Each structure stands twice: as C-alpha cells, then as structure tokens.
C-alpha atoms as a PDB file:
ATOM      1  CA  MET A   1      81.501 -90.488  31.848  1.00  0.00           C
ATOM      2  CA  CYS A   2      85.108 -89.472  31.140  1.00  0.00           C
ATOM      3  CA  ALA A   3      87.840 -91.551  32.742  1.00  0.00           C
ATOM      4  CA  GLY A   4      90.415 -88.782  32.385  1.00  0.00           C
ATOM      5  CA  LEU A   5      92.690 -90.902  30.218  1.00  0.00           C
ATOM      6  CA  ALA A   6      95.166 -89.386  27.781  1.00  0.00           C
ATOM      7  CA  TYR A   7      96.997 -90.650  24.748  1.00  0.00           C
ATOM      8  CA  LEU A   8     100.631 -91.635  25.197  1.00  0.00           C
ATOM      9  CA  THR A   9     101.814 -88.750  23.033  1.00  0.00           C
ATOM     10  CA  GLN A  10      99.906 -86.255  25.191  1.00  0.00           C
ATOM     11  CA  GLN A  11     102.043 -87.287  28.166  1.00  0.00           C
ATOM     12  CA  CYS A  12     105.430 -87.183  26.386  1.00  0.00           C
ATOM     13  CA  GLU A  13     108.032 -84.484  25.962  1.00  0.00           C
ATOM     14  CA  PRO A  14     107.943 -82.825  22.524  1.00  0.00           C
ATOM     15  CA  ILE A  15     111.078 -84.628  21.329  1.00  0.00           C
ATOM     16  CA  ALA A  16     109.581 -87.986  22.342  1.00  0.00           C
ATOM     17  CA  ARG A  17     106.406 -87.108  20.402  1.00  0.00           C
ATOM     18  CA  LEU A  18     108.541 -86.483  17.334  1.00  0.00           C
ATOM     19  CA  ASP A  19     110.282 -89.837  17.854  1.00  0.00           C
ATOM     20  CA  VAL A  20     106.885 -91.562  17.994  1.00  0.00           C
ATOM     21  CA  LYS A  21     105.800 -89.752  14.832  1.00  0.00           C
ATOM     22  CA  LEU A  22     108.993 -90.740  13.009  1.00  0.00           C
ATOM     23  CA  GLY A  23     108.565 -94.358  14.088  1.00  0.00           C
ATOM     24  CA  ARG A  24     104.954 -94.463  12.905  1.00  0.00           C
ATOM     25  CA  LEU A  25     105.869 -92.947   9.546  1.00  0.00           C
ATOM     26  CA  ALA A  26     108.763 -95.381   9.135  1.00  0.00           C
ATOM     27  CA  ARG A  27     106.468 -98.343   9.896  1.00  0.00           C
ATOM     28  CA  ARG A  28     103.918 -97.017   7.416  1.00  0.00           C
ATOM     29  CA  LEU A  29     106.691 -96.870   4.829  1.00  0.00           C
ATOM     30  CA  GLY A  30     107.623-100.486   5.536  1.00  0.00           C
ATOM     31  CA  GLU A  31     110.641-100.084   7.833  1.00  0.00           C
ATOM     32  CA  PRO A  32     110.926-103.219  10.011  1.00  0.00           C
ATOM     33  CA  ASP A  33     113.007-101.512  12.754  1.00  0.00           C
ATOM     34  CA  PRO A  34     111.768 -97.904  13.056  1.00  0.00           C
ATOM     35  CA  ASP A  35     113.963 -96.728  15.971  1.00  0.00           C
ATOM     36  CA  THR A  36     114.433 -93.052  15.027  1.00  0.00           C
ATOM     37  CA  PRO A  37     115.474 -93.565  11.407  1.00  0.00           C
ATOM     38  CA  ARG A  38     117.534 -90.807   9.831  1.00  0.00           C
ATOM     39  CA  GLU A  39     116.172 -91.119   6.298  1.00  0.00           C
ATOM     40  CA  PRO A  40     112.798 -92.226   4.993  1.00  0.00           C
ATOM     41  CA  PRO A  41     112.817 -95.905   4.064  1.00  0.00           C
ATOM     42  CA  PRO A  42     112.662 -96.860   0.381  1.00  0.00           C
ATOM     43  CA  LYS A  43     109.249 -96.909  -1.274  1.00  0.00           C
ATOM     44  CA  PRO A  44     107.347-100.079  -0.422  1.00  0.00           C
ATOM     45  CA  PRO A  45     106.012-102.186  -3.277  1.00  0.00           C
ATOM     46  CA  ARG A  46     102.506-101.302  -4.464  1.00  0.00           C
ATOM     47  CA  MET A  47     102.538 -97.860  -2.779  1.00  0.00           C
ATOM     48  CA  HIS A  48     101.790 -94.983  -5.135  1.00  0.00           C
ATOM     49  CA  TRP A  49     104.672 -92.603  -5.648  1.00  0.00           C
ATOM     50  CA  ARG A  50     102.428 -89.674  -4.746  1.00  0.00           C
ATOM     51  CA  THR A  51     101.660 -91.273  -1.363  1.00  0.00           C
ATOM     52  CA  TYR A  52     105.315 -92.124  -0.778  1.00  0.00           C
ATOM     53  CA  ASP A  53     106.461 -88.600  -1.672  1.00  0.00           C
ATOM     54  CA  ARG A  54     103.872 -87.079   0.688  1.00  0.00           C
ATOM     55  CA  LEU A  55     104.867 -89.365   3.579  1.00  0.00           C
ATOM     56  CA  ALA A  56     108.573 -88.834   2.880  1.00  0.00           C
ATOM     57  CA  ASP A  57     108.010 -85.055   3.022  1.00  0.00           C
ATOM     58  CA  VAL A  58     106.198 -85.358   6.359  1.00  0.00           C
ATOM     59  CA  PHE A  59     109.038 -87.611   7.563  1.00  0.00           C
ATOM     60  CA  GLY A  60     111.629 -85.013   6.534  1.00  0.00           C
ATOM     61  CA  ASP A  61     109.712 -82.202   8.234  1.00  0.00           C
ATOM     62  CA  ALA A  62     109.419 -84.216  11.469  1.00  0.00           C
ATOM     63  CA  ARG A  63     113.122 -85.130  11.347  1.00  0.00           C
ATOM     64  CA  HIS A  64     114.028 -81.465  10.847  1.00  0.00           C
ATOM     65  CA  ALA A  65     111.764 -80.402  13.734  1.00  0.00           C
ATOM     66  CA  ARG A  66     113.351 -83.034  15.993  1.00  0.00           C
ATOM     67  CA  THR A  67     116.864 -81.836  15.165  1.00  0.00           C
ATOM     68  CA  ALA A  68     115.889 -78.184  15.703  1.00  0.00           C
ATOM     69  CA  TYR A  69     114.281 -78.982  19.065  1.00  0.00           C
ATOM     70  CA  TYR A  70     117.373 -80.945  20.160  1.00  0.00           C
ATOM     71  CA  LEU A  71     119.788 -78.185  19.136  1.00  0.00           C
ATOM     72  CA  ASP A  72     117.636 -75.524  20.796  1.00  0.00           C
ATOM     73  CA  GLY A  73     117.813 -77.499  24.046  1.00  0.00           C
ATOM     74  CA  LYS A  74     121.598 -77.757  23.800  1.00  0.00           C
ATOM     75  CA  THR A  75     121.861 -74.029  23.113  1.00  0.00           C
ATOM     76  CA  ARG A  76     119.729 -73.229  26.160  1.00  0.00           C
ATOM     77  CA  LEU A  77     121.899 -75.536  28.266  1.00  0.00           C
ATOM     78  CA  LEU A  78     125.057 -73.777  27.071  1.00  0.00           C
ATOM     79  CA  ASP A  79     123.475 -70.391  27.807  1.00  0.00           C
ATOM     80  CA  TRP A  80     122.742 -71.524  31.348  1.00  0.00           C
ATOM     81  CA  TYR A  81     126.152 -73.118  31.918  1.00  0.00           C
ATOM     82  CA  ASP A  82     128.306 -70.439  30.285  1.00  0.00           C
ATOM     83  CA  PRO A  83     126.539 -67.218  29.253  1.00  0.00           C
ATOM     84  CA  THR A  84     129.654 -65.935  27.443  1.00  0.00           C
ATOM     85  CA  TRP A  85     130.008 -68.890  25.047  1.00  0.00           C
ATOM     86  CA  ARG A  86     128.279 -67.056  22.189  1.00  0.00           C
ATOM     87  CA  GLU A  87     130.665 -64.103  22.391  1.00  0.00           C
ATOM     88  CA  ARG A  88     133.703 -66.423  22.418  1.00  0.00           C
ATOM     89  CA  HIS A  89     132.274 -68.511  19.582  1.00  0.00           C
ATOM     90  CA  ASP A  90     131.586 -65.437  17.434  1.00  0.00           C
ATOM     91  CA  ALA A  91     135.136 -64.213  18.104  1.00  0.00           C
ATOM     92  CA  GLY A  92     136.524 -67.579  16.984  1.00  0.00           C
ATOM     93  CA  GLU A  93     138.016 -68.533  20.364  1.00  0.00           C
ATOM     94  CA  ASP A  94     136.137 -71.834  20.824  1.00  0.00           C
ATOM     95  CA  GLY A  95     137.917 -73.532  17.955  1.00  0.00           C
END
C-alpha cells in the first residue's frame, strides 16, 4: 500500500533542487561544507581522475543551470515591474 510520500527534492522549487544537487556533488567530491559551492572542490585522494572529471562536469552543468534559472527569474520580475526596461537597456539609458 502506498503512503503517498515524496522525496524532498520532489517538493522543492527547481532552484532548491539544484542547490541540493550541488551540495551532494560537493560532498561526493570531499567538500566538508557544501553550502552552494561556486567551484568544484579539488580532487579527493584515491579518486580516479576520470571519475573526478565526470563529477566536475556534472557540477559545472548544475551550477550553470542554477545561474540561468536565477537570472531568468530576475528577468521575469523586471518584465513584470517595468515592461520598458529592455528598450531602455538596449538604448543604453540604464547605465
């Protein structure tokens, strides 16, 4: 019988899911404090370089996706707040 439970990441916003993914990857790479690291941690001892390179690539992709999601949200907020900001920005008026 199913209890209707869900994983934590199934209940989170997409940006929070990416934060969880980055934290898990950082822990796997040996980072002691994985609170949204900006760069992949250095290669842990005894880890194959092939494994490290693969995990570092996944880390970079997740970091890029998180940044893109964040910037998309800010752009949508600006569109809602001031629909003419793009025109002014393209004309060079926003500084």
